[in-house]
Amino acid sequence: MEDQSALLQILAMSLNIPIESFYALDATDEQRKHRVEIGELVEAFEKVEGHIARRRCIDYVKAVASAFR
């Protein structure tokens, strides 16, 4: 699927990691699940229209992340 490859390229660039990281054969099941979730998050975020709505999404994710530190 070409869209998935493009999405992985965008994710790799955003995370500053090589795209090959998504295809690592030695990745654990938990690492694979994590990568799928990142892809789902970015894919859903791309569908959010409007700067204010996207900003709310970012703020929410940051708040949840900081609650677990």
PDB file of N, CA and C in Angstrom:
ATOM      1  N   MET A   1       0.844  -1.179   0.000  1.00  0.00           N
ATOM      2  CA  MET A   1       0.000   0.000   0.000  1.00  0.00           C
ATOM      3  C   MET A   1       0.889   1.241   0.000  1.00  0.00           C
ATOM      4  N   GLU A   2       0.777   2.040  -0.993  1.00  0.00           N
ATOM      5  CA  GLU A   2       1.644   3.199  -1.153  1.00  0.00           C
ATOM      6  C   GLU A   2       1.418   4.233  -0.050  1.00  0.00           C
ATOM      7  N   ASP A   3       0.168   4.441   0.357  1.00  0.00           N
ATOM      8  CA  ASP A   3      -0.125   5.414   1.408  1.00  0.00           C
ATOM      9  C   ASP A   3       0.565   5.040   2.710  1.00  0.00           C
ATOM     10  N   GLN A   4       0.595   3.752   3.005  1.00  0.00           N
ATOM     11  CA  GLN A   4       1.231   3.298   4.237  1.00  0.00           C
ATOM     12  C   GLN A   4       2.740   3.552   4.190  1.00  0.00           C
ATOM     13  N   SER A   5       3.343   3.323   3.050  1.00  0.00           N
ATOM     14  CA  SER A   5       4.779   3.587   2.901  1.00  0.00           C
ATOM     15  C   SER A   5       5.079   5.069   3.083  1.00  0.00           C
ATOM     16  N   ALA A   6       4.233   5.913   2.494  1.00  0.00           N
ATOM     17  CA  ALA A   6       4.425   7.357   2.640  1.00  0.00           C
ATOM     18  C   ALA A   6       4.249   7.767   4.098  1.00  0.00           C
ATOM     19  N   LEU A   7       3.274   7.192   4.766  1.00  0.00           N
ATOM     20  CA  LEU A   7       3.033   7.503   6.170  1.00  0.00           C
ATOM     21  C   LEU A   7       4.228   7.074   7.020  1.00  0.00           C
ATOM     22  N   LEU A   8       4.768   5.902   6.738  1.00  0.00           N
ATOM     23  CA  LEU A   8       5.933   5.443   7.480  1.00  0.00           C
ATOM     24  C   LEU A   8       7.131   6.351   7.249  1.00  0.00           C
ATOM     25  N   GLN A   9       7.281   6.834   6.031  1.00  0.00           N
ATOM     26  CA  GLN A   9       8.382   7.759   5.730  1.00  0.00           C
ATOM     27  C   GLN A   9       8.226   9.043   6.532  1.00  0.00           C
ATOM     28  N   ILE A  10       7.009   9.574   6.588  1.00  0.00           N
ATOM     29  CA  ILE A  10       6.735  10.787   7.363  1.00  0.00           C
ATOM     30  C   ILE A  10       7.015  10.549   8.850  1.00  0.00           C
ATOM     31  N   LEU A  11       6.562   9.402   9.352  1.00  0.00           N
ATOM     32  CA  LEU A  11       6.796   9.074  10.763  1.00  0.00           C
ATOM     33  C   LEU A  11       8.289   8.971  11.062  1.00  0.00           C
ATOM     34  N   ALA A  12       9.008   8.274  10.182  1.00  0.00           N
ATOM     35  CA  ALA A  12      10.445   8.109  10.392  1.00  0.00           C
ATOM     36  C   ALA A  12      11.150   9.461  10.428  1.00  0.00           C
ATOM     37  N   MET A  13      10.790  10.323   9.500  1.00  0.00           N
ATOM     38  CA  MET A  13      11.398  11.652   9.467  1.00  0.00           C
ATOM     39  C   MET A  13      11.029  12.439  10.722  1.00  0.00           C
ATOM     40  N   SER A  14       9.766  12.349  11.146  1.00  0.00           N
ATOM     41  CA  SER A  14       9.307  13.085  12.324  1.00  0.00           C
ATOM     42  C   SER A  14       9.986  12.600  13.601  1.00  0.00           C
ATOM     43  N   LEU A  15      10.219  11.299  13.676  1.00  0.00           N
ATOM     44  CA  LEU A  15      10.838  10.715  14.860  1.00  0.00           C
ATOM     45  C   LEU A  15      12.359  10.682  14.774  1.00  0.00           C
ATOM     46  N   ASN A  16      12.886  11.129  13.618  1.00  0.00           N
ATOM     47  CA  ASN A  16      14.329  11.151  13.387  1.00  0.00           C
ATOM     48  C   ASN A  16      14.952   9.761  13.533  1.00  0.00           C
ATOM     49  N   ILE A  17      14.282   8.783  12.921  1.00  0.00           N
ATOM     50  CA  ILE A  17      14.784   7.412  12.923  1.00  0.00           C
ATOM     51  C   ILE A  17      14.791   6.896  11.492  1.00  0.00           C
ATOM     52  N   PRO A  18      15.595   5.902  11.201  1.00  0.00           N
ATOM     53  CA  PRO A  18      15.570   5.342   9.844  1.00  0.00           C
ATOM     54  C   PRO A  18      14.269   4.592   9.594  1.00  0.00           C
ATOM     55  N   ILE A  19      13.761   4.659   8.376  1.00  0.00           N
ATOM     56  CA  ILE A  19      12.502   3.977   8.061  1.00  0.00           C
ATOM     57  C   ILE A  19      12.620   2.476   8.272  1.00  0.00           C
ATOM     58  N   GLU A  20      13.825   1.954   8.155  1.00  0.00           N
ATOM     59  CA  GLU A  20      14.041   0.523   8.372  1.00  0.00           C
ATOM     60  C   GLU A  20      13.641   0.084   9.782  1.00  0.00           C
ATOM     61  N   SER A  21      13.588   1.025  10.698  1.00  0.00           N
ATOM     62  CA  SER A  21      13.191   0.704  12.073  1.00  0.00           C
ATOM     63  C   SER A  21      11.791   0.105  12.128  1.00  0.00           C
ATOM     64  N   PHE A  22      10.941   0.518  11.193  1.00  0.00           N
ATOM     65  CA  PHE A  22       9.578   0.005  11.181  1.00  0.00           C
ATOM     66  C   PHE A  22       9.508  -1.424  10.663  1.00  0.00           C
ATOM     67  N   TYR A  23      10.567  -1.847  10.004  1.00  0.00           N
ATOM     68  CA  TYR A  23      10.591  -3.183   9.419  1.00  0.00           C
ATOM     69  C   TYR A  23      11.574  -4.109  10.124  1.00  0.00           C
ATOM     70  N   ALA A  24      12.062  -3.701  11.274  1.00  0.00           N
ATOM     71  CA  ALA A  24      13.058  -4.491  11.993  1.00  0.00           C
ATOM     72  C   ALA A  24      12.515  -5.873  12.326  1.00  0.00           C
ATOM     73  N   LEU A  25      13.254  -6.878  11.909  1.00  0.00           N
ATOM     74  CA  LEU A  25      12.836  -8.252  12.155  1.00  0.00           C
ATOM     75  C   LEU A  25      12.994  -8.654  13.611  1.00  0.00           C
ATOM     76  N   ASP A  26      13.888  -7.992  14.310  1.00  0.00           N
ATOM     77  CA  ASP A  26      14.127  -8.348  15.702  1.00  0.00           C
ATOM     78  C   ASP A  26      13.264  -7.552  16.679  1.00  0.00           C
ATOM     79  N   ALA A  27      12.321  -6.797  16.171  1.00  0.00           N
ATOM     80  CA  ALA A  27      11.442  -6.013  17.039  1.00  0.00           C
ATOM     81  C   ALA A  27      10.557  -6.946  17.862  1.00  0.00           C
ATOM     82  N   THR A  28      10.337  -6.563  19.102  1.00  0.00           N
ATOM     83  CA  THR A  28       9.456  -7.356  19.957  1.00  0.00           C
ATOM     84  C   THR A  28       8.007  -7.078  19.572  1.00  0.00           C
ATOM     85  N   ASP A  29       7.135  -7.936  20.031  1.00  0.00           N
ATOM     86  CA  ASP A  29       5.704  -7.759  19.761  1.00  0.00           C
ATOM     87  C   ASP A  29       5.221  -6.420  20.316  1.00  0.00           C
ATOM     88  N   GLU A  30       5.729  -6.049  21.484  1.00  0.00           N
ATOM     89  CA  GLU A  30       5.337  -4.773  22.094  1.00  0.00           C
ATOM     90  C   GLU A  30       5.818  -3.595  21.255  1.00  0.00           C
ATOM     91  N   GLN A  31       7.018  -3.683  20.701  1.00  0.00           N
ATOM     92  CA  GLN A  31       7.536  -2.617  19.840  1.00  0.00           C
ATOM     93  C   GLN A  31       6.700  -2.495  18.572  1.00  0.00           C
ATOM     94  N   ARG A  32       6.288  -3.627  18.005  1.00  0.00           N
ATOM     95  CA  ARG A  32       5.447  -3.598  16.802  1.00  0.00           C
ATOM     96  C   ARG A  32       4.099  -2.949  17.109  1.00  0.00           C
ATOM     97  N   LYS A  33       3.505  -3.303  18.227  1.00  0.00           N
ATOM     98  CA  LYS A  33       2.225  -2.711  18.619  1.00  0.00           C
ATOM     99  C   LYS A  33       2.364  -1.198  18.797  1.00  0.00           C
ATOM    100  N   HIS A  34       3.460  -0.795  19.408  1.00  0.00           N
ATOM    101  CA  HIS A  34       3.723   0.634  19.632  1.00  0.00           C
ATOM    102  C   HIS A  34       3.805   1.371  18.295  1.00  0.00           C
ATOM    103  N   ARG A  35       4.493   0.790  17.336  1.00  0.00           N
ATOM    104  CA  ARG A  35       4.636   1.416  16.019  1.00  0.00           C
ATOM    105  C   ARG A  35       3.290   1.512  15.305  1.00  0.00           C
ATOM    106  N   VAL A  36       2.472   0.480  15.440  1.00  0.00           N
ATOM    107  CA  VAL A  36       1.142   0.514  14.825  1.00  0.00           C
ATOM    108  C   VAL A  36       0.308   1.624  15.450  1.00  0.00           C
ATOM    109  N   GLU A  37       0.393   1.762  16.759  1.00  0.00           N
ATOM    110  CA  GLU A  37      -0.363   2.807  17.447  1.00  0.00           C
ATOM    111  C   GLU A  37       0.095   4.199  17.025  1.00  0.00           C
ATOM    112  N   ILE A  38       1.388   4.379  16.839  1.00  0.00           N
ATOM    113  CA  ILE A  38       1.895   5.668  16.363  1.00  0.00           C
ATOM    114  C   ILE A  38       1.317   5.968  14.991  1.00  0.00           C
ATOM    115  N   GLY A  39       1.314   4.963  14.125  1.00  0.00           N
ATOM    116  CA  GLY A  39       0.745   5.139  12.788  1.00  0.00           C
ATOM    117  C   GLY A  39      -0.727   5.488  12.839  1.00  0.00           C
ATOM    118  N   GLU A  40      -1.472   4.823  13.705  1.00  0.00           N
ATOM    119  CA  GLU A  40      -2.902   5.107  13.848  1.00  0.00           C
ATOM    120  C   GLU A  40      -3.121   6.538  14.339  1.00  0.00           C
ATOM    121  N   LEU A  41      -2.295   6.952  15.274  1.00  0.00           N
ATOM    122  CA  LEU A  41      -2.422   8.305  15.818  1.00  0.00           C
ATOM    123  C   LEU A  41      -2.179   9.361  14.748  1.00  0.00           C
ATOM    124  N   VAL A  42      -1.128   9.171  13.973  1.00  0.00           N
ATOM    125  CA  VAL A  42      -0.812  10.136  12.923  1.00  0.00           C
ATOM    126  C   VAL A  42      -1.876  10.117  11.837  1.00  0.00           C
ATOM    127  N   GLU A  43      -2.328   8.927  11.467  1.00  0.00           N
ATOM    128  CA  GLU A  43      -3.359   8.815  10.432  1.00  0.00           C
ATOM    129  C   GLU A  43      -4.652   9.508  10.865  1.00  0.00           C
ATOM    130  N   ALA A  44      -5.041   9.321  12.114  1.00  0.00           N
ATOM    131  CA  ALA A  44      -6.248   9.976  12.620  1.00  0.00           C
ATOM    132  C   ALA A  44      -6.052  11.488  12.699  1.00  0.00           C
ATOM    133  N   PHE A  45      -4.869  11.906  13.136  1.00  0.00           N
ATOM    134  CA  PHE A  45      -4.581  13.330  13.268  1.00  0.00           C
ATOM    135  C   PHE A  45      -4.658  14.038  11.919  1.00  0.00           C
ATOM    136  N   GLU A  46      -4.199  13.375  10.873  1.00  0.00           N
ATOM    137  CA  GLU A  46      -4.246  13.975   9.540  1.00  0.00           C
ATOM    138  C   GLU A  46      -5.673  14.274   9.088  1.00  0.00           C
ATOM    139  N   LYS A  47      -6.643  13.583   9.647  1.00  0.00           N
ATOM    140  CA  LYS A  47      -8.039  13.770   9.260  1.00  0.00           C
ATOM    141  C   LYS A  47      -8.726  14.893  10.047  1.00  0.00           C
ATOM    142  N   VAL A  48      -8.070  15.370  11.092  1.00  0.00           N
ATOM    143  CA  VAL A  48      -8.648  16.443  11.906  1.00  0.00           C
ATOM    144  C   VAL A  48      -8.522  17.752  11.138  1.00  0.00           C
ATOM    145  N   GLU A  49      -9.648  18.407  10.951  1.00  0.00           N
ATOM    146  CA  GLU A  49      -9.648  19.670  10.205  1.00  0.00           C
ATOM    147  C   GLU A  49      -9.616  20.847  11.163  1.00  0.00           C
ATOM    148  N   GLY A  50      -8.857  21.837  10.789  1.00  0.00           N
ATOM    149  CA  GLY A  50      -8.814  23.078  11.559  1.00  0.00           C
ATOM    150  C   GLY A  50      -7.664  23.115  12.552  1.00  0.00           C
ATOM    151  N   HIS A  51      -7.004  24.250  12.558  1.00  0.00           N
ATOM    152  CA  HIS A  51      -5.843  24.447  13.435  1.00  0.00           C
ATOM    153  C   HIS A  51      -6.217  24.299  14.909  1.00  0.00           C
ATOM    154  N   ILE A  52      -7.330  24.857  15.315  1.00  0.00           N
ATOM    155  CA  ILE A  52      -7.727  24.818  16.728  1.00  0.00           C
ATOM    156  C   ILE A  52      -7.992  23.384  17.174  1.00  0.00           C
ATOM    157  N   ALA A  53      -8.677  22.616  16.356  1.00  0.00           N
ATOM    158  CA  ALA A  53      -8.962  21.223  16.696  1.00  0.00           C
ATOM    159  C   ALA A  53      -7.672  20.407  16.775  1.00  0.00           C
ATOM    160  N   ARG A  54      -6.759  20.628  15.830  1.00  0.00           N
ATOM    161  CA  ARG A  54      -5.477  19.913  15.874  1.00  0.00           C
ATOM    162  C   ARG A  54      -4.679  20.297  17.111  1.00  0.00           C
ATOM    163  N   ARG A  55      -4.709  21.582  17.457  1.00  0.00           N
ATOM    164  CA  ARG A  55      -4.001  22.044  18.648  1.00  0.00           C
ATOM    165  C   ARG A  55      -4.555  21.366  19.897  1.00  0.00           C
ATOM    166  N   ARG A  56      -5.881  21.220  19.968  1.00  0.00           N
ATOM    167  CA  ARG A  56      -6.501  20.535  21.113  1.00  0.00           C
ATOM    168  C   ARG A  56      -6.017  19.098  21.207  1.00  0.00           C
ATOM    169  N   CYS A  57      -5.908  18.442  20.060  1.00  0.00           N
ATOM    170  CA  CYS A  57      -5.414  17.058  20.036  1.00  0.00           C
ATOM    171  C   CYS A  57      -3.993  16.990  20.583  1.00  0.00           C
ATOM    172  N   ILE A  58      -3.151  17.878  20.114  1.00  0.00           N
ATOM    173  CA  ILE A  58      -1.758  17.897  20.567  1.00  0.00           C
ATOM    174  C   ILE A  58      -1.686  18.163  22.067  1.00  0.00           C
ATOM    175  N   ASP A  59      -2.446  19.138  22.531  1.00  0.00           N
ATOM    176  CA  ASP A  59      -2.452  19.467  23.956  1.00  0.00           C
ATOM    177  C   ASP A  59      -2.934  18.289  24.799  1.00  0.00           C
ATOM    178  N   TYR A  60      -3.946  17.575  24.297  1.00  0.00           N
ATOM    179  CA  TYR A  60      -4.472  16.418  25.018  1.00  0.00           C
ATOM    180  C   TYR A  60      -3.412  15.324  25.125  1.00  0.00           C
ATOM    181  N   VAL A  61      -2.763  15.005  24.027  1.00  0.00           N
ATOM    182  CA  VAL A  61      -1.753  13.950  24.032  1.00  0.00           C
ATOM    183  C   VAL A  61      -0.601  14.337  24.962  1.00  0.00           C
ATOM    184  N   LYS A  62      -0.178  15.581  24.917  1.00  0.00           N
ATOM    185  CA  LYS A  62       0.890  16.030  25.799  1.00  0.00           C
ATOM    186  C   LYS A  62       0.478  15.939  27.275  1.00  0.00           C
ATOM    187  N   ALA A  63      -0.760  16.294  27.577  1.00  0.00           N
ATOM    188  CA  ALA A  63      -1.247  16.230  28.960  1.00  0.00           C
ATOM    189  C   ALA A  63      -1.275  14.785  29.457  1.00  0.00           C
ATOM    190  N   VAL A  64      -1.754  13.882  28.630  1.00  0.00           N
ATOM    191  CA  VAL A  64      -1.796  12.470  29.018  1.00  0.00           C
ATOM    192  C   VAL A  64      -0.378  11.935  29.197  1.00  0.00           C
ATOM    193  N   ALA A  65       0.516  12.289  28.290  1.00  0.00           N
ATOM    194  CA  ALA A  65       1.897  11.830  28.375  1.00  0.00           C
ATOM    195  C   ALA A  65       2.577  12.330  29.655  1.00  0.00           C
ATOM    196  N   SER A  66       2.354  13.588  29.991  1.00  0.00           N
ATOM    197  CA  SER A  66       3.011  14.142  31.176  1.00  0.00           C
ATOM    198  C   SER A  66       2.411  13.571  32.469  1.00  0.00           C
ATOM    199  N   ALA A  67       1.181  13.098  32.411  1.00  0.00           N
ATOM    200  CA  ALA A  67       0.552  12.504  33.590  1.00  0.00           C
ATOM    201  C   ALA A  67       1.215  11.176  33.967  1.00  0.00           C
ATOM    202  N   PHE A  68       1.890  10.540  33.000  1.00  0.00           N
ATOM    203  CA  PHE A  68       2.517   9.253  33.233  1.00  0.00           C
ATOM    204  C   PHE A  68       4.015   9.368  33.506  1.00  0.00           C
ATOM    205  N   ARG A  69       4.519  10.560  33.661  1.00  0.00           N
ATOM    206  CA  ARG A  69       5.970  10.729  33.935  1.00  0.00           C
ATOM    207  C   ARG A  69       6.238  10.767  35.396  1.00  0.00           C
TER     208      ARG A  69
END
